[in-house]
């Protein structure tokens, strides 16, 4: 059996679709956090908050600069009611399921909320 997570074999768009399906069915998602709060990423134009459908995937990202981070579970309800409005206000994007060496799809919190 391969030790690699099945998500690692998908491209960013496939991960997006699979992540949203999983988040919808589980009603939860994961972010990475440390003592300063939630981990942020900067892509070409945008700052955003990476989200993952499971803790194992989130922790694959927690290497090097982020190896002290832990995965934090949020219910989709929490995310939609608390995070989406705050991220919208701060002009932050949602970065869905980035994996080592590959960025995730970037969407607005509103788009992400609608897809859930």
C-alpha atoms as a PDB file:
ATOM      1  CA  UNK A   1       0.000   0.000   0.000  1.00  0.00           C
ATOM      2  CA  UNK A   2       1.303   3.424  -0.923  1.00  0.00           C
ATOM      3  CA  UNK A   3       2.067   5.760   1.945  1.00  0.00           C
ATOM      4  CA  UNK A   4       1.185   8.719  -0.234  1.00  0.00           C
ATOM      5  CA  UNK A   5      -2.127  10.405   0.315  1.00  0.00           C
ATOM      6  CA  UNK A   6      -4.402   9.830  -2.713  1.00  0.00           C
ATOM      7  CA  UNK A   7      -4.857  13.605  -3.018  1.00  0.00           C
ATOM      8  CA  UNK A   8      -1.179  13.961  -3.921  1.00  0.00           C
ATOM      9  CA  UNK A   9      -1.830  12.270  -7.241  1.00  0.00           C
ATOM     10  CA  UNK A  10      -4.473  14.801  -8.278  1.00  0.00           C
ATOM     11  CA  UNK A  11      -3.959  18.167  -9.928  1.00  0.00           C
ATOM     12  CA  UNK A  12      -5.113  21.362  -8.208  1.00  0.00           C
ATOM     13  CA  UNK A  13      -8.526  21.354  -9.843  1.00  0.00           C
ATOM     14  CA  UNK A  14      -9.152  17.675  -9.001  1.00  0.00           C
ATOM     15  CA  UNK A  15      -8.072  18.368  -5.422  1.00  0.00           C
ATOM     16  CA  UNK A  16     -10.467  21.273  -5.295  1.00  0.00           C
ATOM     17  CA  UNK A  17     -13.381  19.108  -6.408  1.00  0.00           C
ATOM     18  CA  UNK A  18     -12.435  16.215  -4.133  1.00  0.00           C
ATOM     19  CA  UNK A  19     -11.845  18.551  -1.171  1.00  0.00           C
ATOM     20  CA  UNK A  20     -15.191  20.256  -1.556  1.00  0.00           C
ATOM     21  CA  UNK A  21     -16.970  16.910  -1.828  1.00  0.00           C
ATOM     22  CA  UNK A  22     -15.218  15.653   1.298  1.00  0.00           C
ATOM     23  CA  UNK A  23     -15.761  18.873   3.274  1.00  0.00           C
ATOM     24  CA  UNK A  24     -19.448  18.794   2.332  1.00  0.00           C
ATOM     25  CA  UNK A  25     -19.878  15.199   3.431  1.00  0.00           C
ATOM     26  CA  UNK A  26     -17.816  15.529   6.630  1.00  0.00           C
ATOM     27  CA  UNK A  27     -19.107  19.021   7.475  1.00  0.00           C
ATOM     28  CA  UNK A  28     -15.632  20.050   8.580  1.00  0.00           C
ATOM     29  CA  UNK A  29     -12.342  21.333   7.264  1.00  0.00           C
ATOM     30  CA  UNK A  30      -8.869  21.952   8.624  1.00  0.00           C
ATOM     31  CA  UNK A  31      -6.531  24.902   8.796  1.00  0.00           C
ATOM     32  CA  UNK A  32      -2.995  25.094  10.164  1.00  0.00           C
ATOM     33  CA  UNK A  33      -2.320  27.276  13.149  1.00  0.00           C
ATOM     34  CA  UNK A  34       0.510  28.234  15.445  1.00  0.00           C
ATOM     35  CA  UNK A  35       0.807  30.509  18.449  1.00  0.00           C
ATOM     36  CA  UNK A  36       0.254  33.556  16.211  1.00  0.00           C
ATOM     37  CA  UNK A  37      -2.971  32.283  14.692  1.00  0.00           C
ATOM     38  CA  UNK A  38      -3.819  30.699  11.419  1.00  0.00           C
ATOM     39  CA  UNK A  39      -1.210  30.090   8.727  1.00  0.00           C
ATOM     40  CA  UNK A  40      -1.479  32.381   5.718  1.00  0.00           C
ATOM     41  CA  UNK A  41      -0.060  31.844   2.268  1.00  0.00           C
ATOM     42  CA  UNK A  42       0.750  34.341  -0.421  1.00  0.00           C
ATOM     43  CA  UNK A  43       0.207  33.317  -4.023  1.00  0.00           C
ATOM     44  CA  UNK A  44       1.058  35.527  -7.013  1.00  0.00           C
ATOM     45  CA  UNK A  45      -1.548  38.192  -6.357  1.00  0.00           C
ATOM     46  CA  UNK A  46      -3.385  37.106  -3.264  1.00  0.00           C
ATOM     47  CA  UNK A  47      -3.002  36.425   0.396  1.00  0.00           C
ATOM     48  CA  UNK A  48      -5.090  33.571   1.586  1.00  0.00           C
ATOM     49  CA  UNK A  49      -5.877  30.967   4.161  1.00  0.00           C
ATOM     50  CA  UNK A  50      -5.157  27.396   3.105  1.00  0.00           C
ATOM     51  CA  UNK A  51      -7.838  24.840   3.977  1.00  0.00           C
ATOM     52  CA  UNK A  52      -7.767  21.068   3.764  1.00  0.00           C
ATOM     53  CA  UNK A  53     -10.392  18.323   3.940  1.00  0.00           C
ATOM     54  CA  UNK A  54      -8.420  16.313   6.482  1.00  0.00           C
ATOM     55  CA  UNK A  55      -5.786  16.810   9.157  1.00  0.00           C
ATOM     56  CA  UNK A  56      -3.305  14.465   7.513  1.00  0.00           C
ATOM     57  CA  UNK A  57      -3.172  16.612   4.369  1.00  0.00           C
ATOM     58  CA  UNK A  58      -2.880  19.796   6.400  1.00  0.00           C
ATOM     59  CA  UNK A  59       0.057  18.320   8.305  1.00  0.00           C
ATOM     60  CA  UNK A  60       1.853  17.349   5.074  1.00  0.00           C
ATOM     61  CA  UNK A  61       2.151  21.076   4.552  1.00  0.00           C
ATOM     62  CA  UNK A  62       3.544  21.615   8.071  1.00  0.00           C
ATOM     63  CA  UNK A  63       7.239  21.319   7.231  1.00  0.00           C
ATOM     64  CA  UNK A  64      10.256  23.626   7.399  1.00  0.00           C
ATOM     65  CA  UNK A  65       8.989  27.047   8.487  1.00  0.00           C
ATOM     66  CA  UNK A  66       5.678  25.560   9.520  1.00  0.00           C
ATOM     67  CA  UNK A  67       6.771  22.382  11.281  1.00  0.00           C
ATOM     68  CA  UNK A  68       5.565  23.744  14.623  1.00  0.00           C
ATOM     69  CA  UNK A  69       2.013  24.236  13.318  1.00  0.00           C
ATOM     70  CA  UNK A  70      -0.891  22.025  14.155  1.00  0.00           C
ATOM     71  CA  UNK A  71      -4.034  21.178  12.253  1.00  0.00           C
ATOM     72  CA  UNK A  72      -7.147  22.786  13.660  1.00  0.00           C
ATOM     73  CA  UNK A  73     -10.580  21.454  12.845  1.00  0.00           C
ATOM     74  CA  UNK A  74     -13.383  23.873  11.983  1.00  0.00           C
ATOM     75  CA  UNK A  75     -16.943  22.878  11.261  1.00  0.00           C
ATOM     76  CA  UNK A  76     -18.220  24.145   7.919  1.00  0.00           C
ATOM     77  CA  UNK A  77     -20.794  26.064   9.901  1.00  0.00           C
ATOM     78  CA  UNK A  78     -18.092  27.877  11.897  1.00  0.00           C
ATOM     79  CA  UNK A  79     -16.166  28.568   8.741  1.00  0.00           C
ATOM     80  CA  UNK A  80     -19.180  29.953   6.893  1.00  0.00           C
ATOM     81  CA  UNK A  81     -20.489  32.115   9.732  1.00  0.00           C
ATOM     82  CA  UNK A  82     -17.225  33.396  11.257  1.00  0.00           C
ATOM     83  CA  UNK A  83     -14.424  32.998   8.762  1.00  0.00           C
ATOM     84  CA  UNK A  84     -16.039  33.849   5.442  1.00  0.00           C
ATOM     85  CA  UNK A  85     -17.220  37.324   6.540  1.00  0.00           C
ATOM     86  CA  UNK A  86     -13.876  38.085   8.222  1.00  0.00           C
ATOM     87  CA  UNK A  87     -11.825  36.891   5.263  1.00  0.00           C
ATOM     88  CA  UNK A  88     -14.041  38.828   2.860  1.00  0.00           C
ATOM     89  CA  UNK A  89     -13.500  41.955   4.919  1.00  0.00           C
ATOM     90  CA  UNK A  90      -9.728  41.416   4.986  1.00  0.00           C
ATOM     91  CA  UNK A  91      -9.581  40.615   1.245  1.00  0.00           C
ATOM     92  CA  UNK A  92      -8.239  37.148   1.933  1.00  0.00           C
ATOM     93  CA  UNK A  93      -8.769  34.256  -0.426  1.00  0.00           C
ATOM     94  CA  UNK A  94      -9.351  30.588   0.347  1.00  0.00           C
ATOM     95  CA  UNK A  95      -6.550  28.355  -0.949  1.00  0.00           C
ATOM     96  CA  UNK A  96      -7.979  24.874  -1.290  1.00  0.00           C
ATOM     97  CA  UNK A  97      -5.802  21.895  -0.453  1.00  0.00           C
ATOM     98  CA  UNK A  98      -2.299  23.002  -1.390  1.00  0.00           C
ATOM     99  CA  UNK A  99       0.112  20.071  -1.228  1.00  0.00           C
ATOM    100  CA  UNK A 100       3.894  20.089  -1.020  1.00  0.00           C
ATOM    101  CA  UNK A 101       5.310  21.504  -4.260  1.00  0.00           C
ATOM    102  CA  UNK A 102       1.903  22.418  -5.609  1.00  0.00           C
ATOM    103  CA  UNK A 103      -0.368  25.319  -4.866  1.00  0.00           C
ATOM    104  CA  UNK A 104      -4.053  24.838  -4.344  1.00  0.00           C
ATOM    105  CA  UNK A 105      -6.859  26.480  -6.289  1.00  0.00           C
ATOM    106  CA  UNK A 106      -7.531  30.013  -5.075  1.00  0.00           C
ATOM    107  CA  UNK A 107     -11.122  31.174  -4.630  1.00  0.00           C
ATOM    108  CA  UNK A 108     -12.891  33.978  -2.877  1.00  0.00           C
ATOM    109  CA  UNK A 109     -14.459  33.083   0.479  1.00  0.00           C
ATOM    110  CA  UNK A 110     -17.822  33.774  -1.144  1.00  0.00           C
ATOM    111  CA  UNK A 111     -17.216  31.326  -4.005  1.00  0.00           C
ATOM    112  CA  UNK A 112     -15.961  28.754  -1.546  1.00  0.00           C
ATOM    113  CA  UNK A 113     -19.018  29.235   0.672  1.00  0.00           C
ATOM    114  CA  UNK A 114     -21.302  28.815  -2.321  1.00  0.00           C
ATOM    115  CA  UNK A 115     -19.588  25.615  -3.369  1.00  0.00           C
ATOM    116  CA  UNK A 116     -20.219  24.168   0.103  1.00  0.00           C
END
